[in-house]
Amino acid sequence: MRVIPRPEPGEYAPDTVEYFQFVPGEDVLQHITDDERVYAYWTLRFARNDPTELPSFDQEVFAAFSGANDLPRASLLDEYVTVRAATRSLFDGLPEAAPTRVGIATGNPTSVRAATFHIAGHELHHLDSIRVNYGGKGKR
């Protein structure tokens, strides 16, 4: 798998940097999957040098209309695995110059590598939160 260098300041929205610290690399799984889909889409647009400014997404609206609470856990896990495989395939197929390409999302410059670190860090943030709140271990 391709190694993408850490993003530089100015390549991401300031409020997303907290997720990067987690990268060494109840409806949480659907939220993680939805977030990954959005950021993978942004990655594709920016990697292809699309200059169109992209809007934010409202995670609360996504959660309210996801139907995740009515789905079997196996279905949520299957969707997660499928989305992750698609994201990895996207990242592995990026040209060498793509990681530092920058677009605008939510009114902020966002590089391809910042979107990559957001995806990984966002997931690790939630896993850490689950460990802290339900398993007794975590970063906090």
C-alpha atoms as a PDB file:
ATOM      1  CA  MET A   1       0.000   0.000   0.000  1.00  0.00           C
ATOM      2  CA  ARG A   2       1.206   3.511  -0.835  1.00  0.00           C
ATOM      3  CA  VAL A   3       2.606   5.564   2.048  1.00  0.00           C
ATOM      4  CA  ILE A   4       1.203   9.094   1.996  1.00  0.00           C
ATOM      5  CA  PRO A   5       3.209  11.723   3.920  1.00  0.00           C
ATOM      6  CA  ARG A   6       1.585  13.750   6.679  1.00  0.00           C
ATOM      7  CA  PRO A   7      -0.234  16.885   5.522  1.00  0.00           C
ATOM      8  CA  GLU A   8       1.309  20.291   6.125  1.00  0.00           C
ATOM      9  CA  PRO A   9      -0.494  23.121   7.979  1.00  0.00           C
ATOM     10  CA  GLY A  10      -2.755  24.962   5.563  1.00  0.00           C
ATOM     11  CA  GLU A  11      -3.824  21.745   3.802  1.00  0.00           C
ATOM     12  CA  TYR A  12      -6.789  21.060   6.077  1.00  0.00           C
ATOM     13  CA  ALA A  13      -9.518  22.689   8.100  1.00  0.00           C
ATOM     14  CA  PRO A  14      -8.119  23.605  11.539  1.00  0.00           C
ATOM     15  CA  ASP A  15     -10.792  21.634  13.388  1.00  0.00           C
ATOM     16  CA  THR A  16      -9.799  18.351  11.694  1.00  0.00           C
ATOM     17  CA  VAL A  17      -6.159  18.231  12.811  1.00  0.00           C
ATOM     18  CA  GLU A  18      -7.126  16.437  16.039  1.00  0.00           C
ATOM     19  CA  TYR A  19      -7.805  13.283  14.008  1.00  0.00           C
ATOM     20  CA  PHE A  20      -4.278  13.170  12.604  1.00  0.00           C
ATOM     21  CA  GLN A  21      -2.800  12.409  16.045  1.00  0.00           C
ATOM     22  CA  PHE A  22      -4.475   8.993  15.966  1.00  0.00           C
ATOM     23  CA  VAL A  23      -2.775   7.904  12.745  1.00  0.00           C
ATOM     24  CA  PRO A  24       0.560   6.005  13.218  1.00  0.00           C
ATOM     25  CA  GLY A  25      -0.788   5.378  10.759  1.00  0.00           C
ATOM     26  CA  GLU A  26     -24.152   3.007  18.781  1.00  0.00           C
ATOM     27  CA  ASP A  27     -24.329   4.299  15.088  1.00  0.00           C
ATOM     28  CA  VAL A  28     -20.580   4.913  15.148  1.00  0.00           C
ATOM     29  CA  LEU A  29     -19.722   2.390  12.423  1.00  0.00           C
ATOM     30  CA  GLN A  30     -22.194   3.931   9.965  1.00  0.00           C
ATOM     31  CA  HIS A  31     -20.885   7.387  10.853  1.00  0.00           C
ATOM     32  CA  ILE A  32     -17.307   6.261  10.202  1.00  0.00           C
ATOM     33  CA  THR A  33     -18.358   4.731   6.872  1.00  0.00           C
ATOM     34  CA  ASP A  34     -20.311   7.823   5.783  1.00  0.00           C
ATOM     35  CA  ASP A  35     -17.446  10.135   6.719  1.00  0.00           C
ATOM     36  CA  GLU A  36     -14.992   7.954   4.818  1.00  0.00           C
ATOM     37  CA  ARG A  37     -17.181   8.023   1.710  1.00  0.00           C
ATOM     38  CA  VAL A  38     -17.344  11.821   1.754  1.00  0.00           C
ATOM     39  CA  TYR A  39     -13.612  12.270   2.291  1.00  0.00           C
ATOM     40  CA  ALA A  40     -12.788   9.640  -0.345  1.00  0.00           C
ATOM     41  CA  TYR A  41     -14.981  11.600  -2.771  1.00  0.00           C
ATOM     42  CA  TRP A  42     -13.124  14.786  -1.894  1.00  0.00           C
ATOM     43  CA  THR A  43      -9.850  12.888  -2.406  1.00  0.00           C
ATOM     44  CA  LEU A  44     -10.925  11.819  -5.883  1.00  0.00           C
ATOM     45  CA  ARG A  45     -11.986  15.336  -6.871  1.00  0.00           C
ATOM     46  CA  PHE A  46      -8.810  16.975  -5.567  1.00  0.00           C
ATOM     47  CA  ALA A  47      -6.493  14.238  -6.869  1.00  0.00           C
ATOM     48  CA  ARG A  48      -7.936  14.875 -10.324  1.00  0.00           C
ATOM     49  CA  ASN A  49      -7.280  18.602  -9.846  1.00  0.00           C
ATOM     50  CA  ASP A  50     -10.957  19.578  -9.910  1.00  0.00           C
ATOM     51  CA  PRO A  51     -11.132  23.285  -8.954  1.00  0.00           C
ATOM     52  CA  THR A  52     -14.785  23.146  -7.847  1.00  0.00           C
ATOM     53  CA  GLU A  53     -15.283  24.175  -4.216  1.00  0.00           C
ATOM     54  CA  LEU A  54     -16.999  21.345  -2.353  1.00  0.00           C
ATOM     55  CA  PRO A  55     -19.585  21.840   0.377  1.00  0.00           C
ATOM     56  CA  SER A  56     -19.562  20.322   3.822  1.00  0.00           C
ATOM     57  CA  PHE A  57     -21.933  17.581   4.857  1.00  0.00           C
ATOM     58  CA  ASP A  58     -24.123  17.504   7.919  1.00  0.00           C
ATOM     59  CA  GLN A  59     -23.238  14.386   9.908  1.00  0.00           C
ATOM     60  CA  GLU A  60     -26.351  14.816  12.054  1.00  0.00           C
ATOM     61  CA  VAL A  61     -28.607  14.665   8.987  1.00  0.00           C
ATOM     62  CA  PHE A  62     -26.658  11.696   7.647  1.00  0.00           C
ATOM     63  CA  ALA A  63     -27.118   9.871  10.959  1.00  0.00           C
ATOM     64  CA  ALA A  64     -30.803  10.717  11.218  1.00  0.00           C
ATOM     65  CA  PHE A  65     -31.539   9.281   7.782  1.00  0.00           C
ATOM     66  CA  SER A  66     -29.029   6.417   7.641  1.00  0.00           C
ATOM     67  CA  GLY A  67     -31.358   3.771   9.009  1.00  0.00           C
ATOM     68  CA  ALA A  68     -28.326   2.254  10.728  1.00  0.00           C
ATOM     69  CA  ASN A  69     -30.246   1.378  13.883  1.00  0.00           C
ATOM     70  CA  ASP A  70     -32.550  -0.845  11.809  1.00  0.00           C
ATOM     71  CA  LEU A  71     -29.746  -2.728  10.072  1.00  0.00           C
ATOM     72  CA  PRO A  72     -28.082  -5.892  11.326  1.00  0.00           C
ATOM     73  CA  ARG A  73     -24.557  -5.366  12.624  1.00  0.00           C
ATOM     74  CA  ALA A  74     -23.274  -7.776   9.946  1.00  0.00           C
ATOM     75  CA  SER A  75     -24.713  -5.526   7.246  1.00  0.00           C
ATOM     76  CA  LEU A  76     -22.990  -2.459   8.728  1.00  0.00           C
ATOM     77  CA  LEU A  77     -19.687  -4.337   8.936  1.00  0.00           C
ATOM     78  CA  ASP A  78     -20.022  -5.571   5.348  1.00  0.00           C
ATOM     79  CA  GLU A  79     -20.631  -2.022   4.139  1.00  0.00           C
ATOM     80  CA  TYR A  80     -17.648  -0.757   6.141  1.00  0.00           C
ATOM     81  CA  VAL A  81     -15.345  -3.422   4.662  1.00  0.00           C
ATOM     82  CA  THR A  82     -16.571  -2.654   1.135  1.00  0.00           C
ATOM     83  CA  VAL A  83     -16.085   1.094   1.530  1.00  0.00           C
ATOM     84  CA  ARG A  84     -12.629   0.622   3.066  1.00  0.00           C
ATOM     85  CA  ALA A  85     -11.594  -1.637   0.163  1.00  0.00           C
ATOM     86  CA  ALA A  86     -12.773   0.999  -2.321  1.00  0.00           C
ATOM     87  CA  THR A  87     -10.915   3.733  -0.432  1.00  0.00           C
ATOM     88  CA  ARG A  88      -7.685   1.721  -0.368  1.00  0.00           C
ATOM     89  CA  SER A  89      -8.039   1.026  -4.074  1.00  0.00           C
ATOM     90  CA  LEU A  90      -8.505   4.750  -4.721  1.00  0.00           C
ATOM     91  CA  PHE A  91      -5.430   5.656  -2.659  1.00  0.00           C
ATOM     92  CA  ASP A  92      -3.304   2.919  -4.243  1.00  0.00           C
ATOM     93  CA  GLY A  93      -4.178   4.181  -7.706  1.00  0.00           C
ATOM     94  CA  LEU A  94      -3.299   7.822  -7.119  1.00  0.00           C
ATOM     95  CA  PRO A  95      -0.484   9.277  -9.198  1.00  0.00           C
ATOM     96  CA  GLU A  96       2.692  10.272  -7.355  1.00  0.00           C
ATOM     97  CA  ALA A  97       1.856  13.999  -7.528  1.00  0.00           C
ATOM     98  CA  ALA A  98      -1.672  13.614  -6.121  1.00  0.00           C
ATOM     99  CA  PRO A  99      -1.065  13.732  -2.324  1.00  0.00           C
ATOM    100  CA  THR A 100      -0.116  17.407  -2.315  1.00  0.00           C
ATOM    101  CA  ARG A 101      -2.875  18.564  -4.661  1.00  0.00           C
ATOM    102  CA  VAL A 102      -5.252  20.888  -2.866  1.00  0.00           C
ATOM    103  CA  GLY A 103      -8.902  21.745  -3.316  1.00  0.00           C
ATOM    104  CA  ILE A 104     -11.409  23.656  -1.242  1.00  0.00           C
ATOM    105  CA  ALA A 105     -13.898  21.801   0.953  1.00  0.00           C
ATOM    106  CA  THR A 106     -16.080  23.388   3.612  1.00  0.00           C
ATOM    107  CA  GLY A 107     -14.416  26.691   2.795  1.00  0.00           C
ATOM    108  CA  ASN A 108     -10.942  25.409   3.713  1.00  0.00           C
ATOM    109  CA  PRO A 109      -7.957  24.281   1.670  1.00  0.00           C
ATOM    110  CA  THR A 110      -7.817  20.484   1.820  1.00  0.00           C
ATOM    111  CA  SER A 111      -5.022  18.422   0.324  1.00  0.00           C
ATOM    112  CA  VAL A 112      -5.400  14.860  -0.822  1.00  0.00           C
ATOM    113  CA  ARG A 113      -3.077  13.721   1.957  1.00  0.00           C
ATOM    114  CA  ALA A 114      -5.038  15.710   4.545  1.00  0.00           C
ATOM    115  CA  ALA A 115      -8.225  13.930   3.440  1.00  0.00           C
ATOM    116  CA  THR A 116      -6.332  10.646   3.723  1.00  0.00           C
ATOM    117  CA  PHE A 117      -5.192  11.388   7.263  1.00  0.00           C
ATOM    118  CA  HIS A 118      -8.660  12.586   8.180  1.00  0.00           C
ATOM    119  CA  ILE A 119     -10.182   9.249   7.138  1.00  0.00           C
ATOM    120  CA  ALA A 120      -7.694   7.242   9.188  1.00  0.00           C
ATOM    121  CA  GLY A 121      -7.638   9.596  12.165  1.00  0.00           C
ATOM    122  CA  HIS A 122     -11.414   9.965  12.287  1.00  0.00           C
ATOM    123  CA  GLU A 123     -11.815   6.207  12.562  1.00  0.00           C
ATOM    124  CA  LEU A 124      -9.085   5.912  15.196  1.00  0.00           C
ATOM    125  CA  HIS A 125     -10.643   8.796  17.156  1.00  0.00           C
ATOM    126  CA  HIS A 126     -13.907   6.885  17.408  1.00  0.00           C
ATOM    127  CA  LEU A 127     -12.216   3.597  18.248  1.00  0.00           C
ATOM    128  CA  ASP A 128     -10.289   5.333  21.025  1.00  0.00           C
ATOM    129  CA  SER A 129     -13.508   6.884  22.295  1.00  0.00           C
ATOM    130  CA  ILE A 130     -15.151   3.449  22.384  1.00  0.00           C
ATOM    131  CA  ARG A 131     -12.175   2.014  24.319  1.00  0.00           C
ATOM    132  CA  VAL A 132     -12.259   4.885  26.812  1.00  0.00           C
ATOM    133  CA  ASN A 133     -16.009   4.872  27.310  1.00  0.00           C
ATOM    134  CA  TYR A 134     -16.674   1.142  27.200  1.00  0.00           C
ATOM    135  CA  GLY A 135     -13.399  -0.729  27.542  1.00  0.00           C
ATOM    136  CA  GLY A 136     -11.493   1.252  30.145  1.00  0.00           C
ATOM    137  CA  LYS A 137      -8.444   1.884  27.967  1.00  0.00           C
ATOM    138  CA  GLY A 138      -7.548   4.577  25.497  1.00  0.00           C
ATOM    139  CA  LYS A 139      -5.502   7.740  25.008  1.00  0.00           C
ATOM    140  CA  ARG A 140      -7.381   9.872  27.513  1.00  0.00           C
END
